[in-house]
Amino acid sequence: MRLLMIVVDSNHKNDVEKILETHEVPGFTEIPGVLGKGQTGRKLGSRAFPGSSTLYFTAVDGDICKTLCRDLEELNKRAGKEEGLFAFALEAETVI
């Protein structure tokens, strides 16, 4: 099992959700309005640093994770790096 964490500019959250639905992930958690600073600059929801990101978590098996990441990479190429889309995969174990 892999825990996939996806951080995306909020302008592209619908694109990420379409990808998640296409792969029929068993479920995901969305945290909207995430603020911070990263490779694409500051996103603090203010006039000086407008914008925000959306954070998604999903737990999927390894094969689904590979195809999800492939489709997310294609989205990232279409959107451009200045929009900011990052995905991180971690080994996960169900404990409860």
C-alpha atoms as a PDB file:
ATOM      1  CA  MET A   1       0.000   0.000   0.000  1.00  0.00           C
ATOM      2  CA  ARG A   2       1.244   3.484  -0.866  1.00  0.00           C
ATOM      3  CA  LEU A   3       0.173   6.779   0.669  1.00  0.00           C
ATOM      4  CA  LEU A   4       0.075   9.383  -2.065  1.00  0.00           C
ATOM      5  CA  MET A   5       0.246  13.043  -1.065  1.00  0.00           C
ATOM      6  CA  ILE A   6      -0.559  15.484  -3.864  1.00  0.00           C
ATOM      7  CA  VAL A   7      -0.016  19.240  -3.583  1.00  0.00           C
ATOM      8  CA  VAL A   8      -1.493  21.292  -6.426  1.00  0.00           C
ATOM      9  CA  ASP A   9      -2.209  24.925  -7.175  1.00  0.00           C
ATOM     10  CA  SER A  10      -5.881  25.396  -6.373  1.00  0.00           C
ATOM     11  CA  ASN A  11      -6.506  26.443  -9.993  1.00  0.00           C
ATOM     12  CA  HIS A  12      -5.932  22.795 -11.005  1.00  0.00           C
ATOM     13  CA  LYS A  13      -7.744  20.970  -8.188  1.00  0.00           C
ATOM     14  CA  ASN A  14     -10.558  19.869 -10.513  1.00  0.00           C
ATOM     15  CA  ASP A  15      -7.999  18.304 -12.869  1.00  0.00           C
ATOM     16  CA  VAL A  16      -6.520  16.286 -10.008  1.00  0.00           C
ATOM     17  CA  GLU A  17      -9.961  15.167  -8.852  1.00  0.00           C
ATOM     18  CA  LYS A  18     -10.772  13.956 -12.382  1.00  0.00           C
ATOM     19  CA  ILE A  19      -7.582  11.891 -12.366  1.00  0.00           C
ATOM     20  CA  LEU A  20      -8.446  10.409  -8.955  1.00  0.00           C
ATOM     21  CA  GLU A  21     -11.958   9.551 -10.143  1.00  0.00           C
ATOM     22  CA  THR A  22     -10.671   8.061 -13.418  1.00  0.00           C
ATOM     23  CA  HIS A  23      -8.494   5.637 -11.457  1.00  0.00           C
ATOM     24  CA  GLU A  24     -11.361   4.842  -9.099  1.00  0.00           C
ATOM     25  CA  VAL A  25      -9.299   5.333  -5.966  1.00  0.00           C
ATOM     26  CA  PRO A  26     -11.146   3.931  -2.950  1.00  0.00           C
ATOM     27  CA  GLY A  27     -11.220   7.374  -1.334  1.00  0.00           C
ATOM     28  CA  PHE A  28      -9.244  10.527  -0.776  1.00  0.00           C
ATOM     29  CA  THR A  29      -8.998  13.418   1.637  1.00  0.00           C
ATOM     30  CA  GLU A  30      -8.916  16.991   0.335  1.00  0.00           C
ATOM     31  CA  ILE A  31      -7.546  19.885   2.342  1.00  0.00           C
ATOM     32  CA  PRO A  32      -8.367  23.119   0.467  1.00  0.00           C
ATOM     33  CA  GLY A  33      -6.756  26.515   0.950  1.00  0.00           C
ATOM     34  CA  VAL A  34      -3.305  25.273   1.966  1.00  0.00           C
ATOM     35  CA  LEU A  35      -0.882  28.180   2.417  1.00  0.00           C
ATOM     36  CA  GLY A  36       2.894  28.177   2.353  1.00  0.00           C
ATOM     37  CA  LYS A  37       6.088  28.660   0.393  1.00  0.00           C
ATOM     38  CA  GLY A  38       7.719  26.286  -2.033  1.00  0.00           C
ATOM     39  CA  GLN A  39       9.504  26.027  -5.352  1.00  0.00           C
ATOM     40  CA  THR A  40       6.791  28.031  -7.103  1.00  0.00           C
ATOM     41  CA  GLY A  41       6.959  30.842  -4.534  1.00  0.00           C
ATOM     42  CA  ARG A  42       4.745  31.986  -1.684  1.00  0.00           C
ATOM     43  CA  LYS A  43       1.019  31.261  -1.725  1.00  0.00           C
ATOM     44  CA  LEU A  44      -0.415  32.980   1.307  1.00  0.00           C
ATOM     45  CA  GLY A  45      -3.855  34.026   0.080  1.00  0.00           C
ATOM     46  CA  SER A  46      -2.942  37.708   0.406  1.00  0.00           C
ATOM     47  CA  ARG A  47      -2.556  40.623  -1.999  1.00  0.00           C
ATOM     48  CA  ALA A  48       1.206  40.408  -1.735  1.00  0.00           C
ATOM     49  CA  PHE A  49       1.289  36.616  -2.157  1.00  0.00           C
ATOM     50  CA  PRO A  50      -1.980  35.564  -3.814  1.00  0.00           C
ATOM     51  CA  GLY A  51      -3.193  32.033  -4.331  1.00  0.00           C
ATOM     52  CA  SER A  52      -3.309  28.822  -2.382  1.00  0.00           C
ATOM     53  CA  SER A  53      -2.786  25.128  -2.900  1.00  0.00           C
ATOM     54  CA  THR A  54      -4.951  22.081  -2.332  1.00  0.00           C
ATOM     55  CA  LEU A  55      -3.576  18.997  -0.610  1.00  0.00           C
ATOM     56  CA  TYR A  56      -4.864  15.482  -1.305  1.00  0.00           C
ATOM     57  CA  PHE A  57      -4.138  12.232   0.503  1.00  0.00           C
ATOM     58  CA  THR A  58      -5.066   8.800  -0.810  1.00  0.00           C
ATOM     59  CA  ALA A  59      -3.953   5.265   0.011  1.00  0.00           C
ATOM     60  CA  VAL A  60      -3.709   2.967  -3.017  1.00  0.00           C
ATOM     61  CA  ASP A  61      -1.939  -0.202  -4.068  1.00  0.00           C
ATOM     62  CA  GLY A  62       1.357   0.060  -5.931  1.00  0.00           C
ATOM     63  CA  ASP A  63      -0.011  -0.466  -9.449  1.00  0.00           C
ATOM     64  CA  ILE A  64      -2.653   2.242  -9.100  1.00  0.00           C
ATOM     65  CA  CYS A  65      -0.028   4.558  -7.609  1.00  0.00           C
ATOM     66  CA  LYS A  66       2.198   4.159 -10.686  1.00  0.00           C
ATOM     67  CA  THR A  67      -0.567   4.980 -13.167  1.00  0.00           C
ATOM     68  CA  LEU A  68      -1.852   7.842 -10.998  1.00  0.00           C
ATOM     69  CA  CYS A  69       1.633   9.350 -10.851  1.00  0.00           C
ATOM     70  CA  ARG A  70       2.010   8.990 -14.611  1.00  0.00           C
ATOM     71  CA  ASP A  71      -1.226  10.905 -15.204  1.00  0.00           C
ATOM     72  CA  LEU A  72      -0.279  13.542 -12.619  1.00  0.00           C
ATOM     73  CA  GLU A  73       3.056  14.003 -14.386  1.00  0.00           C
ATOM     74  CA  GLU A  74       1.234  14.568 -17.684  1.00  0.00           C
ATOM     75  CA  LEU A  75      -1.001  17.154 -15.996  1.00  0.00           C
ATOM     76  CA  ASN A  76       2.074  18.875 -14.578  1.00  0.00           C
ATOM     77  CA  LYS A  77       3.597  19.129 -18.067  1.00  0.00           C
ATOM     78  CA  ARG A  78       0.381  20.624 -19.476  1.00  0.00           C
ATOM     79  CA  ALA A  79      -0.082  23.078 -16.588  1.00  0.00           C
ATOM     80  CA  GLY A  80       3.521  24.220 -16.476  1.00  0.00           C
ATOM     81  CA  LYS A  81       5.892  24.202 -13.534  1.00  0.00           C
ATOM     82  CA  GLU A  82       4.916  27.713 -12.437  1.00  0.00           C
ATOM     83  CA  GLU A  83       1.478  26.351 -11.480  1.00  0.00           C
ATOM     84  CA  GLY A  84       2.958  23.861  -9.029  1.00  0.00           C
ATOM     85  CA  LEU A  85       1.962  20.214  -8.804  1.00  0.00           C
ATOM     86  CA  PHE A  86       3.917  17.844  -6.597  1.00  0.00           C
ATOM     87  CA  ALA A  87       3.241  14.246  -5.600  1.00  0.00           C
ATOM     88  CA  PHE A  88       4.956  12.211  -2.913  1.00  0.00           C
ATOM     89  CA  ALA A  89       4.533   8.469  -2.366  1.00  0.00           C
ATOM     90  CA  LEU A  90       5.237   6.837   0.974  1.00  0.00           C
ATOM     91  CA  GLU A  91       5.022   3.246   2.078  1.00  0.00           C
ATOM     92  CA  ALA A  92       1.891   2.798   4.175  1.00  0.00           C
ATOM     93  CA  GLU A  93       0.602   0.083   6.442  1.00  0.00           C
ATOM     94  CA  THR A  94      -2.969  -0.211   7.662  1.00  0.00           C
ATOM     95  CA  VAL A  95      -2.859  -0.302  11.460  1.00  0.00           C
ATOM     96  CA  ILE A  96      -6.579  -0.083  12.291  1.00  0.00           C
END
